[in-house]
PDB file of N, CA and C in Angstrom:
ATOM      1  N   MET A   1       0.646  -1.478   0.093  1.00  0.00           N
ATOM      2  CA  MET A   1      -0.243  -0.298  -0.037  1.00  0.00           C
ATOM      3  C   MET A   1       0.852   0.932  -0.116  1.00  0.00           C
ATOM      4  N   LYS A   2       0.828   2.192  -0.070  1.00  0.00           N
ATOM      5  CA  LYS A   2       0.998   3.532  -0.953  1.00  0.00           C
ATOM      6  C   LYS A   2       1.299   4.657  -0.027  1.00  0.00           C
ATOM      7  N   PRO A   3       1.636   5.548   0.576  1.00  0.00           N
ATOM      8  CA  PRO A   3       0.830   6.763   1.428  1.00  0.00           C
ATOM      9  C   PRO A   3      -0.245   7.704   0.514  1.00  0.00           C
ATOM     10  N   GLY A   4      -1.204   8.428   0.747  1.00  0.00           N
ATOM     11  CA  GLY A   4      -2.237   8.608   0.524  1.00  0.00           C
ATOM     12  C   GLY A   4      -3.259   7.814  -0.368  1.00  0.00           C
ATOM     13  N   GLN A   5      -2.639   6.397  -0.441  1.00  0.00           N
ATOM     14  CA  GLN A   5      -3.850   5.692  -1.153  1.00  0.00           C
ATOM     15  C   GLN A   5      -5.132   5.808  -0.040  1.00  0.00           C
ATOM     16  N   ILE A   6      -6.488   5.595  -0.808  1.00  0.00           N
ATOM     17  CA  ILE A   6      -7.659   5.557  -0.250  1.00  0.00           C
ATOM     18  C   ILE A   6      -7.893   4.224   0.296  1.00  0.00           C
ATOM     19  N   VAL A   7      -8.184   2.962   1.064  1.00  0.00           N
ATOM     20  CA  VAL A   7      -8.631   2.327   1.636  1.00  0.00           C
ATOM     21  C   VAL A   7      -9.687   1.810   2.022  1.00  0.00           C
ATOM     22  N   LYS A   8     -10.316   0.877   1.609  1.00  0.00           N
ATOM     23  CA  LYS A   8     -11.864  -0.023   2.845  1.00  0.00           C
ATOM     24  C   LYS A   8     -11.332  -0.800   3.748  1.00  0.00           C
ATOM     25  N   VAL A   9     -10.863  -0.928   5.326  1.00  0.00           N
ATOM     26  CA  VAL A   9     -10.819  -0.728   6.536  1.00  0.00           C
ATOM     27  C   VAL A   9     -12.506  -2.100   7.191  1.00  0.00           C
ATOM     28  N   ASN A  10     -12.432  -2.807   6.864  1.00  0.00           N
ATOM     29  CA  ASN A  10     -13.121  -3.952   7.182  1.00  0.00           C
ATOM     30  C   ASN A  10     -13.369  -3.779   8.779  1.00  0.00           C
ATOM     31  N   TRP A  11     -14.158  -3.503   9.800  1.00  0.00           N
ATOM     32  CA  TRP A  11     -14.173  -3.401  10.998  1.00  0.00           C
ATOM     33  C   TRP A  11     -15.664  -4.180  11.474  1.00  0.00           C
ATOM     34  N   ARG A  12     -15.805  -5.067  10.934  1.00  0.00           N
ATOM     35  CA  ARG A  12     -16.674  -5.791  10.742  1.00  0.00           C
ATOM     36  C   ARG A  12     -16.616  -6.113  11.810  1.00  0.00           C
ATOM     37  N   ASP A  13     -15.910  -6.939  12.724  1.00  0.00           N
ATOM     38  CA  ASP A  13     -15.861  -7.441  14.224  1.00  0.00           C
ATOM     39  C   ASP A  13     -15.315  -6.927  14.964  1.00  0.00           C
ATOM     40  N   ALA A  14     -15.933  -6.015  15.145  1.00  0.00           N
ATOM     41  CA  ALA A  14     -15.503  -4.545  16.415  1.00  0.00           C
ATOM     42  C   ALA A  14     -15.823  -4.599  17.836  1.00  0.00           C
ATOM     43  N   LEU A  15     -15.428  -4.573  18.940  1.00  0.00           N
ATOM     44  CA  LEU A  15     -15.943  -5.225  20.329  1.00  0.00           C
ATOM     45  C   LEU A  15     -17.308  -4.040  20.279  1.00  0.00           C
ATOM     46  N   PRO A  16     -17.807  -5.139  20.984  1.00  0.00           N
ATOM     47  CA  PRO A  16     -19.410  -3.929  21.011  1.00  0.00           C
ATOM     48  C   PRO A  16     -18.534  -2.972  22.497  1.00  0.00           C
ATOM     49  N   ASN A  17     -19.434  -1.512  22.554  1.00  0.00           N
ATOM     50  CA  ASN A  17     -18.793  -0.183  22.997  1.00  0.00           C
ATOM     51  C   ASN A  17     -17.192   0.085  22.699  1.00  0.00           C
ATOM     52  N   SER A  18     -16.879  -0.490  21.255  1.00  0.00           N
ATOM     53  CA  SER A  18     -15.779  -0.125  21.694  1.00  0.00           C
ATOM     54  C   SER A  18     -14.699   1.584  21.087  1.00  0.00           C
ATOM     55  N   GLY A  19     -16.355   1.873  19.757  1.00  0.00           N
ATOM     56  CA  GLY A  19     -15.964   2.826  19.307  1.00  0.00           C
ATOM     57  C   GLY A  19     -15.981   3.379  17.936  1.00  0.00           C
ATOM     58  N   GLU A  20     -15.373   1.128  17.179  1.00  0.00           N
ATOM     59  CA  GLU A  20     -14.798   1.183  16.788  1.00  0.00           C
ATOM     60  C   GLU A  20     -16.310   0.967  16.253  1.00  0.00           C
ATOM     61  N   PRO A  21     -16.434   0.979  14.592  1.00  0.00           N
ATOM     62  CA  PRO A  21     -17.222   1.359  13.428  1.00  0.00           C
ATOM     63  C   PRO A  21     -18.130   0.190  13.795  1.00  0.00           C
ATOM     64  N   ASN A  22     -17.561  -1.092  13.051  1.00  0.00           N
ATOM     65  CA  ASN A  22     -18.103  -2.059  12.897  1.00  0.00           C
ATOM     66  C   ASN A  22     -18.541  -2.205  11.525  1.00  0.00           C
ATOM     67  N   ARG A  23     -18.667  -2.279  10.826  1.00  0.00           N
ATOM     68  CA  ARG A  23     -18.772  -1.700   8.984  1.00  0.00           C
ATOM     69  C   ARG A  23     -17.389  -1.751   7.768  1.00  0.00           C
ATOM     70  N   VAL A  24     -17.498  -1.932   7.148  1.00  0.00           N
ATOM     71  CA  VAL A  24     -16.224  -1.386   6.736  1.00  0.00           C
ATOM     72  C   VAL A  24     -16.238   0.404   5.889  1.00  0.00           C
ATOM     73  N   ARG A  25     -15.226   1.093   6.350  1.00  0.00           N
ATOM     74  CA  ARG A  25     -15.357   2.380   6.896  1.00  0.00           C
ATOM     75  C   ARG A  25     -14.126   3.633   5.829  1.00  0.00           C
ATOM     76  N   PRO A  26     -13.951   3.429   4.472  1.00  0.00           N
ATOM     77  CA  PRO A  26     -12.372   4.225   3.876  1.00  0.00           C
ATOM     78  C   PRO A  26     -11.643   4.762   5.170  1.00  0.00           C
ATOM     79  N   ALA A  27     -10.331   5.574   4.674  1.00  0.00           N
ATOM     80  CA  ALA A  27      -9.351   5.327   5.414  1.00  0.00           C
ATOM     81  C   ALA A  27      -8.865   5.961   4.371  1.00  0.00           C
ATOM     82  N   ILE A  28      -7.339   6.636   4.824  1.00  0.00           N
ATOM     83  CA  ILE A  28      -5.981   7.340   4.113  1.00  0.00           C
ATOM     84  C   ILE A  28      -4.791   6.403   4.909  1.00  0.00           C
ATOM     85  N   VAL A  29      -3.862   5.484   4.077  1.00  0.00           N
ATOM     86  CA  VAL A  29      -2.409   5.371   4.862  1.00  0.00           C
ATOM     87  C   VAL A  29      -1.623   6.550   4.692  1.00  0.00           C
ATOM     88  N   VAL A  30      -1.475   6.620   6.001  1.00  0.00           N
ATOM     89  CA  VAL A  30      -0.384   8.030   5.803  1.00  0.00           C
ATOM     90  C   VAL A  30       0.896   6.439   6.990  1.00  0.00           C
ATOM     91  N   SER A  31       1.637   6.171   6.569  1.00  0.00           N
ATOM     92  CA  SER A  31       2.561   5.392   6.352  1.00  0.00           C
ATOM     93  C   SER A  31       3.523   5.331   5.721  1.00  0.00           C
ATOM     94  N   SER A  32       4.563   4.935   5.632  1.00  0.00           N
ATOM     95  CA  SER A  32       6.529   4.978   4.606  1.00  0.00           C
ATOM     96  C   SER A  32       5.809   4.070   4.622  1.00  0.00           C
ATOM     97  N   PRO A  33       6.315   3.725   2.695  1.00  0.00           N
ATOM     98  CA  PRO A  33       6.401   1.723   2.311  1.00  0.00           C
ATOM     99  C   PRO A  33       6.970   1.465   3.158  1.00  0.00           C
ATOM    100  N   LYS A  34       7.862   1.562   3.848  1.00  0.00           N
ATOM    101  CA  LYS A  34       8.571   0.383   4.918  1.00  0.00           C
ATOM    102  C   LYS A  34       8.730   0.412   6.165  1.00  0.00           C
ATOM    103  N   PHE A  35       7.592   1.134   6.813  1.00  0.00           N
ATOM    104  CA  PHE A  35       6.821   1.213   8.368  1.00  0.00           C
ATOM    105  C   PHE A  35       7.180  -0.282   8.636  1.00  0.00           C
ATOM    106  N   TYR A  36       8.250  -0.518   9.568  1.00  0.00           N
ATOM    107  CA  TYR A  36       8.507  -2.030   9.724  1.00  0.00           C
ATOM    108  C   TYR A  36       8.119  -2.187   9.297  1.00  0.00           C
ATOM    109  N   GLU A  37       8.654  -2.879   8.058  1.00  0.00           N
ATOM    110  CA  GLU A  37       8.147  -3.578   6.381  1.00  0.00           C
ATOM    111  C   GLU A  37       7.999  -5.011   6.704  1.00  0.00           C
ATOM    112  N   PRO A  38       8.287  -5.699   7.887  1.00  0.00           N
ATOM    113  CA  PRO A  38       8.873  -6.852   8.297  1.00  0.00           C
ATOM    114  C   PRO A  38       6.964  -7.455   8.715  1.00  0.00           C
ATOM    115  N   LEU A  39       6.019  -6.310   9.130  1.00  0.00           N
ATOM    116  CA  LEU A  39       5.051  -6.511  10.409  1.00  0.00           C
ATOM    117  C   LEU A  39       3.912  -6.152   9.106  1.00  0.00           C
ATOM    118  N   PRO A  40       2.368  -6.972   9.359  1.00  0.00           N
ATOM    119  CA  PRO A  40       2.012  -6.706   8.446  1.00  0.00           C
ATOM    120  C   PRO A  40       0.912  -5.467   9.183  1.00  0.00           C
ATOM    121  N   PHE A  41       1.206  -3.450   9.200  1.00  0.00           N
ATOM    122  CA  PHE A  41      -0.249  -3.392   9.911  1.00  0.00           C
ATOM    123  C   PHE A  41       0.984  -2.004   8.659  1.00  0.00           C
ATOM    124  N   GLU A  42      -0.402  -0.910   8.595  1.00  0.00           N
ATOM    125  CA  GLU A  42       0.046  -0.058   7.695  1.00  0.00           C
ATOM    126  C   GLU A  42      -0.582   1.594   9.231  1.00  0.00           C
ATOM    127  N   LEU A  43      -0.286   2.439   9.181  1.00  0.00           N
ATOM    128  CA  LEU A  43      -1.019   3.558  10.162  1.00  0.00           C
ATOM    129  C   LEU A  43      -1.575   4.007   8.723  1.00  0.00           C
ATOM    130  N   ILE A  44      -3.062   4.260   8.756  1.00  0.00           N
ATOM    131  CA  ILE A  44      -4.054   4.369   8.717  1.00  0.00           C
ATOM    132  C   ILE A  44      -5.126   5.957   8.955  1.00  0.00           C
ATOM    133  N   VAL A  45      -5.719   7.268   8.598  1.00  0.00           N
ATOM    134  CA  VAL A  45      -6.499   8.016   9.537  1.00  0.00           C
ATOM    135  C   VAL A  45      -7.939   7.668   8.723  1.00  0.00           C
ATOM    136  N   PRO A  46      -8.421   7.764   9.941  1.00  0.00           N
ATOM    137  CA  PRO A  46     -10.023   7.387   8.895  1.00  0.00           C
ATOM    138  C   PRO A  46     -10.674   8.276   8.612  1.00  0.00           C
ATOM    139  N   LEU A  47     -11.397   8.318   7.504  1.00  0.00           N
ATOM    140  CA  LEU A  47     -12.779   9.463   6.416  1.00  0.00           C
ATOM    141  C   LEU A  47     -13.898   9.497   7.075  1.00  0.00           C
ATOM    142  N   THR A  48     -14.526  10.347   7.081  1.00  0.00           N
ATOM    143  CA  THR A  48     -15.634  10.797   7.172  1.00  0.00           C
ATOM    144  C   THR A  48     -16.602  11.808   7.009  1.00  0.00           C
ATOM    145  N   ALA A  49     -17.654  11.566   6.555  1.00  0.00           N
ATOM    146  CA  ALA A  49     -18.486  12.846   6.086  1.00  0.00           C
ATOM    147  C   ALA A  49     -19.170  13.716   7.445  1.00  0.00           C
ATOM    148  N   SER A  50     -19.349  13.112   7.971  1.00  0.00           N
ATOM    149  CA  SER A  50     -19.366  14.127   9.419  1.00  0.00           C
ATOM    150  C   SER A  50     -18.681  15.044   9.805  1.00  0.00           C
ATOM    151  N   GLU A  51     -19.167  16.334   9.301  1.00  0.00           N
ATOM    152  CA  GLU A  51     -18.238  17.601   9.938  1.00  0.00           C
ATOM    153  C   GLU A  51     -18.004  17.853  11.213  1.00  0.00           C
ATOM    154  N   ASP A  52     -19.299  17.097  11.717  1.00  0.00           N
ATOM    155  CA  ASP A  52     -18.938  17.212  13.678  1.00  0.00           C
ATOM    156  C   ASP A  52     -17.358  16.624  13.783  1.00  0.00           C
ATOM    157  N   MET A  53     -17.162  15.477  13.600  1.00  0.00           N
ATOM    158  CA  MET A  53     -16.264  14.690  13.789  1.00  0.00           C
ATOM    159  C   MET A  53     -14.348  15.778  13.365  1.00  0.00           C
ATOM    160  N   ALA A  54     -15.070  16.568  12.414  1.00  0.00           N
ATOM    161  CA  ALA A  54     -13.961  17.166  11.560  1.00  0.00           C
ATOM    162  C   ALA A  54     -13.389  17.666  13.312  1.00  0.00           C
ATOM    163  N   LEU A  55     -11.945  17.844  13.615  1.00  0.00           N
ATOM    164  CA  LEU A  55     -12.036  19.672  14.689  1.00  0.00           C
ATOM    165  C   LEU A  55     -10.825  20.336  14.166  1.00  0.00           C
ATOM    166  N   GLU A  56     -10.672  21.031  14.422  1.00  0.00           N
ATOM    167  CA  GLU A  56     -10.582  22.332  13.253  1.00  0.00           C
ATOM    168  C   GLU A  56      -8.990  22.404  14.044  1.00  0.00           C
ATOM    169  N   ASP A  57      -8.137  22.106  12.619  1.00  0.00           N
ATOM    170  CA  ASP A  57      -6.938  22.283  12.745  1.00  0.00           C
ATOM    171  C   ASP A  57      -5.747  20.821  13.118  1.00  0.00           C
ATOM    172  N   ALA A  58      -7.267  20.033  13.521  1.00  0.00           N
ATOM    173  CA  ALA A  58      -6.501  18.133  12.776  1.00  0.00           C
ATOM    174  C   ALA A  58      -7.156  17.392  12.245  1.00  0.00           C
ATOM    175  N   SER A  59      -7.773  17.865  11.445  1.00  0.00           N
ATOM    176  CA  SER A  59      -8.295  17.416   9.842  1.00  0.00           C
ATOM    177  C   SER A  59      -8.172  17.744   8.837  1.00  0.00           C
ATOM    178  N   VAL A  60      -8.046  17.037   7.659  1.00  0.00           N
ATOM    179  CA  VAL A  60      -8.332  17.894   6.591  1.00  0.00           C
ATOM    180  C   VAL A  60      -9.957  17.224   5.614  1.00  0.00           C
ATOM    181  N   ARG A  61      -9.918  18.759   4.876  1.00  0.00           N
ATOM    182  CA  ARG A  61     -11.339  18.846   4.619  1.00  0.00           C
ATOM    183  C   ARG A  61     -10.914  17.841   2.542  1.00  0.00           C
ATOM    184  N   ILE A  62     -11.865  16.928   2.521  1.00  0.00           N
ATOM    185  CA  ILE A  62     -10.953  15.899   0.729  1.00  0.00           C
ATOM    186  C   ILE A  62     -13.010  16.221  -0.097  1.00  0.00           C
ATOM    187  N   ASP A  63     -12.401  17.215  -0.410  1.00  0.00           N
ATOM    188  CA  ASP A  63     -13.626  17.410  -1.436  1.00  0.00           C
ATOM    189  C   ASP A  63     -13.534  16.301  -2.894  1.00  0.00           C
ATOM    190  N   PRO A  64     -14.761  15.964  -3.184  1.00  0.00           N
ATOM    191  CA  PRO A  64     -14.395  14.575  -3.970  1.00  0.00           C
ATOM    192  C   PRO A  64     -13.522  15.421  -5.140  1.00  0.00           C
ATOM    193  N   THR A  65     -13.071  14.049  -5.818  1.00  0.00           N
ATOM    194  CA  THR A  65     -12.228  14.461  -7.610  1.00  0.00           C
ATOM    195  C   THR A  65     -12.620  13.111  -8.149  1.00  0.00           C
ATOM    196  N   SER A  66     -12.634  12.868  -8.967  1.00  0.00           N
ATOM    197  CA  SER A  66     -12.193  11.853  -9.627  1.00  0.00           C
ATOM    198  C   SER A  66     -11.068  10.799  -8.617  1.00  0.00           C
ATOM    199  N   GLU A  67      -9.671  11.456  -8.178  1.00  0.00           N
ATOM    200  CA  GLU A  67      -8.405  11.039  -8.155  1.00  0.00           C
ATOM    201  C   GLU A  67      -8.700  10.103  -6.963  1.00  0.00           C
ATOM    202  N   ASN A  68      -9.421  11.127  -5.508  1.00  0.00           N
ATOM    203  CA  ASN A  68      -9.930  10.034  -4.481  1.00  0.00           C
ATOM    204  C   ASN A  68     -11.140   9.090  -4.360  1.00  0.00           C
ATOM    205  N   GLY A  69     -12.239   9.462  -5.445  1.00  0.00           N
ATOM    206  CA  GLY A  69     -13.495   8.908  -5.847  1.00  0.00           C
ATOM    207  C   GLY A  69     -14.329   9.284  -4.252  1.00  0.00           C
ATOM    208  N   CYS A  70     -14.626  10.094  -4.070  1.00  0.00           N
ATOM    209  CA  CYS A  70     -15.327  10.290  -3.103  1.00  0.00           C
ATOM    210  C   CYS A  70     -16.321  10.958  -3.040  1.00  0.00           C
ATOM    211  N   THR A  71     -17.892  10.915  -3.293  1.00  0.00           N
ATOM    212  CA  THR A  71     -19.287  10.724  -3.810  1.00  0.00           C
ATOM    213  C   THR A  71     -19.734  12.132  -2.826  1.00  0.00           C
ATOM    214  N   LYS A  72     -18.629  13.204  -2.176  1.00  0.00           N
ATOM    215  CA  LYS A  72     -19.201  13.698  -1.279  1.00  0.00           C
ATOM    216  C   LYS A  72     -17.737  14.054  -0.430  1.00  0.00           C
ATOM    217  N   THR A  73     -18.506  15.314   0.308  1.00  0.00           N
ATOM    218  CA  THR A  73     -17.172  16.136   1.505  1.00  0.00           C
ATOM    219  C   THR A  73     -17.062  15.277   1.969  1.00  0.00           C
ATOM    220  N   SER A  74     -15.973  15.096   2.242  1.00  0.00           N
ATOM    221  CA  SER A  74     -15.779  13.776   3.824  1.00  0.00           C
ATOM    222  C   SER A  74     -14.037  15.150   4.183  1.00  0.00           C
ATOM    223  N   TYR A  75     -13.747  14.208   5.490  1.00  0.00           N
ATOM    224  CA  TYR A  75     -13.336  15.201   6.445  1.00  0.00           C
ATOM    225  C   TYR A  75     -12.289  13.739   6.900  1.00  0.00           C
ATOM    226  N   ALA A  76     -10.604  14.255   6.844  1.00  0.00           N
ATOM    227  CA  ALA A  76      -9.381  12.815   7.060  1.00  0.00           C
ATOM    228  C   ALA A  76      -9.503  13.576   8.775  1.00  0.00           C
ATOM    229  N   LEU A  77      -9.613  11.853   9.323  1.00  0.00           N
ATOM    230  CA  LEU A  77      -9.763  13.059  10.978  1.00  0.00           C
ATOM    231  C   LEU A  77      -7.859  12.248  11.514  1.00  0.00           C
ATOM    232  N   SER A  78      -7.083  13.274  10.856  1.00  0.00           N
ATOM    233  CA  SER A  78      -6.050  13.105  11.929  1.00  0.00           C
ATOM    234  C   SER A  78      -5.767  13.367  12.943  1.00  0.00           C
ATOM    235  N   TRP A  79      -6.415  13.056  13.853  1.00  0.00           N
ATOM    236  CA  TRP A  79      -6.341  13.343  15.201  1.00  0.00           C
ATOM    237  C   TRP A  79      -6.257  11.544  15.804  1.00  0.00           C
ATOM    238  N   ASN A  80      -6.466  11.122  14.817  1.00  0.00           N
ATOM    239  CA  ASN A  80      -7.712   9.671  14.756  1.00  0.00           C
ATOM    240  C   ASN A  80      -6.637   7.903  14.132  1.00  0.00           C
ATOM    241  N   VAL A  81      -4.999   8.998  14.247  1.00  0.00           N
ATOM    242  CA  VAL A  81      -4.355   8.426  13.698  1.00  0.00           C
ATOM    243  C   VAL A  81      -4.486   6.591  13.990  1.00  0.00           C
ATOM    244  N   GLN A  82      -4.352   5.205  13.280  1.00  0.00           N
ATOM    245  CA  GLN A  82      -4.541   4.159  13.755  1.00  0.00           C
ATOM    246  C   GLN A  82      -3.619   3.499  12.742  1.00  0.00           C
ATOM    247  N   CYS A  83      -3.138   2.166  13.952  1.00  0.00           N
ATOM    248  CA  CYS A  83      -2.653   1.034  13.106  1.00  0.00           C
ATOM    249  C   CYS A  83      -2.932   0.385  12.913  1.00  0.00           C
ATOM    250  N   VAL A  84      -3.052  -0.947  11.912  1.00  0.00           N
ATOM    251  CA  VAL A  84      -4.372  -1.246  11.639  1.00  0.00           C
ATOM    252  C   VAL A  84      -3.435  -2.616  10.970  1.00  0.00           C
ATOM    253  N   PRO A  85      -3.819  -4.137  11.578  1.00  0.00           N
ATOM    254  CA  PRO A  85      -3.451  -5.378  10.061  1.00  0.00           C
ATOM    255  C   PRO A  85      -3.917  -5.108   8.834  1.00  0.00           C
ATOM    256  N   GLN A  86      -2.470  -5.085   8.016  1.00  0.00           N
ATOM    257  CA  GLN A  86      -3.095  -5.028   6.939  1.00  0.00           C
ATOM    258  C   GLN A  86      -4.255  -6.104   6.002  1.00  0.00           C
ATOM    259  N   ILE A  87      -4.680  -7.250   7.037  1.00  0.00           N
ATOM    260  CA  ILE A  87      -5.610  -8.017   6.738  1.00  0.00           C
ATOM    261  C   ILE A  87      -6.772  -7.301   6.917  1.00  0.00           C
ATOM    262  N   ARG A  88      -6.971  -6.291   7.510  1.00  0.00           N
ATOM    263  CA  ARG A  88      -8.255  -5.563   7.723  1.00  0.00           C
ATOM    264  C   ARG A  88      -8.472  -4.611   6.498  1.00  0.00           C
ATOM    265  N   LEU A  89      -7.808  -4.538   6.346  1.00  0.00           N
ATOM    266  CA  LEU A  89      -7.546  -3.172   4.355  1.00  0.00           C
ATOM    267  C   LEU A  89      -7.566  -4.319   3.366  1.00  0.00           C
ATOM    268  N   THR A  90      -8.925  -3.206   2.299  1.00  0.00           N
ATOM    269  CA  THR A  90      -8.523  -3.473   0.830  1.00  0.00           C
ATOM    270  C   THR A  90      -8.176  -2.559  -0.081  1.00  0.00           C
ATOM    271  N   GLU A  91      -7.254  -2.654  -1.021  1.00  0.00           N
ATOM    272  CA  GLU A  91      -6.853  -1.242  -1.347  1.00  0.00           C
ATOM    273  C   GLU A  91      -7.995  -1.135  -2.125  1.00  0.00           C
ATOM    274  N   THR A  92      -7.509   0.281  -2.867  1.00  0.00           N
ATOM    275  CA  THR A  92      -8.375   0.682  -4.316  1.00  0.00           C
ATOM    276  C   THR A  92      -7.335   1.664  -4.908  1.00  0.00           C
ATOM    277  N   THR A  93      -7.905   2.321  -6.161  1.00  0.00           N
ATOM    278  CA  THR A  93      -7.609   3.061  -6.823  1.00  0.00           C
ATOM    279  C   THR A  93      -7.207   4.458  -6.802  1.00  0.00           C
ATOM    280  N   SER A  94      -8.275   4.959  -5.608  1.00  0.00           N
ATOM    281  CA  SER A  94      -7.948   6.274  -4.846  1.00  0.00           C
ATOM    282  C   SER A  94      -6.950   6.287  -3.992  1.00  0.00           C
ATOM    283  N   HIS A  95      -7.198   7.964  -4.439  1.00  0.00           N
ATOM    284  CA  HIS A  95      -6.001   8.625  -2.919  1.00  0.00           C
ATOM    285  C   HIS A  95      -6.398   9.903  -3.092  1.00  0.00           C
ATOM    286  N   VAL A  96      -5.588  10.593  -2.435  1.00  0.00           N
ATOM    287  CA  VAL A  96      -5.867  11.930  -1.441  1.00  0.00           C
ATOM    288  C   VAL A  96      -4.081  12.336  -2.910  1.00  0.00           C
ATOM    289  N   THR A  97      -4.037  13.846  -2.418  1.00  0.00           N
ATOM    290  CA  THR A  97      -3.226  14.468  -3.069  1.00  0.00           C
ATOM    291  C   THR A  97      -1.412  14.604  -1.879  1.00  0.00           C
ATOM    292  N   ALA A  98      -0.022  14.685  -2.635  1.00  0.00           N
ATOM    293  CA  ALA A  98       0.525  14.803  -1.866  1.00  0.00           C
ATOM    294  C   ALA A  98       0.167  15.707  -0.643  1.00  0.00           C
ATOM    295  N   GLU A  99      -0.044  17.334  -1.219  1.00  0.00           N
ATOM    296  CA  GLU A  99      -0.740  18.248   0.047  1.00  0.00           C
ATOM    297  C   GLU A  99      -0.970  17.867   0.975  1.00  0.00           C
ATOM    298  N   GLN A 100      -2.222  17.575   0.634  1.00  0.00           N
ATOM    299  CA  GLN A 100      -3.325  17.210   1.163  1.00  0.00           C
ATOM    300  C   GLN A 100      -2.907  15.774   2.343  1.00  0.00           C
ATOM    301  N   LEU A 101      -2.073  14.510   1.625  1.00  0.00           N
ATOM    302  CA  LEU A 101      -0.612  13.774   2.426  1.00  0.00           C
ATOM    303  C   LEU A 101       0.039  14.368   3.313  1.00  0.00           C
ATOM    304  N   ALA A 102       0.435  15.629   2.653  1.00  0.00           N
ATOM    305  CA  ALA A 102       1.378  16.371   4.005  1.00  0.00           C
ATOM    306  C   ALA A 102       0.565  17.253   4.702  1.00  0.00           C
ATOM    307  N   CYS A 103      -0.777  17.365   4.732  1.00  0.00           N
ATOM    308  CA  CYS A 103      -1.028  17.902   5.564  1.00  0.00           C
ATOM    309  C   CYS A 103      -1.608  16.885   6.725  1.00  0.00           C
ATOM    310  N   ILE A 104      -2.089  16.098   6.930  1.00  0.00           N
ATOM    311  CA  ILE A 104      -2.409  15.271   7.283  1.00  0.00           C
ATOM    312  C   ILE A 104      -1.448  14.571   8.097  1.00  0.00           C
ATOM    313  N   ARG A 105      -0.418  14.745   6.953  1.00  0.00           N
ATOM    314  CA  ARG A 105       1.022  14.374   9.057  1.00  0.00           C
ATOM    315  C   ARG A 105       1.016  15.048   9.574  1.00  0.00           C
ATOM    316  N   LYS A 106       1.107  16.161   8.281  1.00  0.00           N
ATOM    317  CA  LYS A 106       1.824  17.463   9.524  1.00  0.00           C
ATOM    318  C   LYS A 106       0.561  17.519  11.202  1.00  0.00           C
ATOM    319  N   GLN A 107      -0.112  17.729  10.516  1.00  0.00           N
ATOM    320  CA  GLN A 107      -1.301  17.430  11.762  1.00  0.00           C
ATOM    321  C   GLN A 107      -1.219  16.622  13.243  1.00  0.00           C
ATOM    322  N   ILE A 108      -0.906  15.030  12.062  1.00  0.00           N
ATOM    323  CA  ILE A 108      -0.545  14.142  13.436  1.00  0.00           C
ATOM    324  C   ILE A 108       0.515  14.570  14.667  1.00  0.00           C
ATOM    325  N   SER A 109       1.586  14.529  13.534  1.00  0.00           N
ATOM    326  CA  SER A 109       2.561  14.940  14.296  1.00  0.00           C
ATOM    327  C   SER A 109       2.241  16.259  15.557  1.00  0.00           C
ATOM    328  N   LEU A 110       1.951  17.111  15.531  1.00  0.00           N
ATOM    329  CA  LEU A 110       0.993  17.819  15.965  1.00  0.00           C
ATOM    330  C   LEU A 110       0.377  17.300  17.138  1.00  0.00           C
ATOM    331  N   CYS A 111      -0.096  16.471  17.132  1.00  0.00           N
ATOM    332  CA  CYS A 111      -1.237  16.022  17.826  1.00  0.00           C
ATOM    333  C   CYS A 111      -0.351  15.801  18.959  1.00  0.00           C
ATOM    334  N   VAL A 112       0.754  15.134  18.917  1.00  0.00           N
ATOM    335  CA  VAL A 112       1.642  14.044  19.402  1.00  0.00           C
ATOM    336  C   VAL A 112       2.869  14.680  19.861  1.00  0.00           C
ATOM    337  N   ALA A 113       2.933  16.581  19.275  1.00  0.00           N
ATOM    338  CA  ALA A 113       3.819  16.788  19.596  1.00  0.00           C
ATOM    339  C   ALA A 113       3.712  17.757  21.403  1.00  0.00           C
ATOM    340  N   LYS A 114       5.272  17.780  22.042  1.00  0.00           N
ATOM    341  CA  LYS A 114       5.006  17.584  23.517  1.00  0.00           C
ATOM    342  C   LYS A 114       4.309  19.275  23.486  1.00  0.00           C
TER     343      LYS A 114
END
C-alpha cells in the first residue's frame, strides 16, 4: 500500500462499546512504505462525511475528485491515526493529493508533539 492511498477498513468484528464502527469504512494510508516492513500493519486515518467529527486543525477537508473517488465532501481525521493490520484493509485505486497527505502528516505530528 502507498502513502495517500484510500483503502477500505473492515471493522465488522468490532468489539461492543469499543467505539469502532462495526462496518467497512474508508481511510487514508499515512505510513511510509517501509513502516515496520516485516510487520503486516499500516498507519491510517479514517475518512468521514460527518463535519462534527472534524476537529479544527486536526482534520483535512477532502472535496470529491475523480482521483479520490469520494462522492461527497469528507474529512480525514488526523487526530484519529490508527495502526491497523493489513488483513483488515482492501486497496482501492483512489488517493488524496500529495499536499493533502503532507497536511495530514503535519497534523498528526502536532497532535503528538509536546
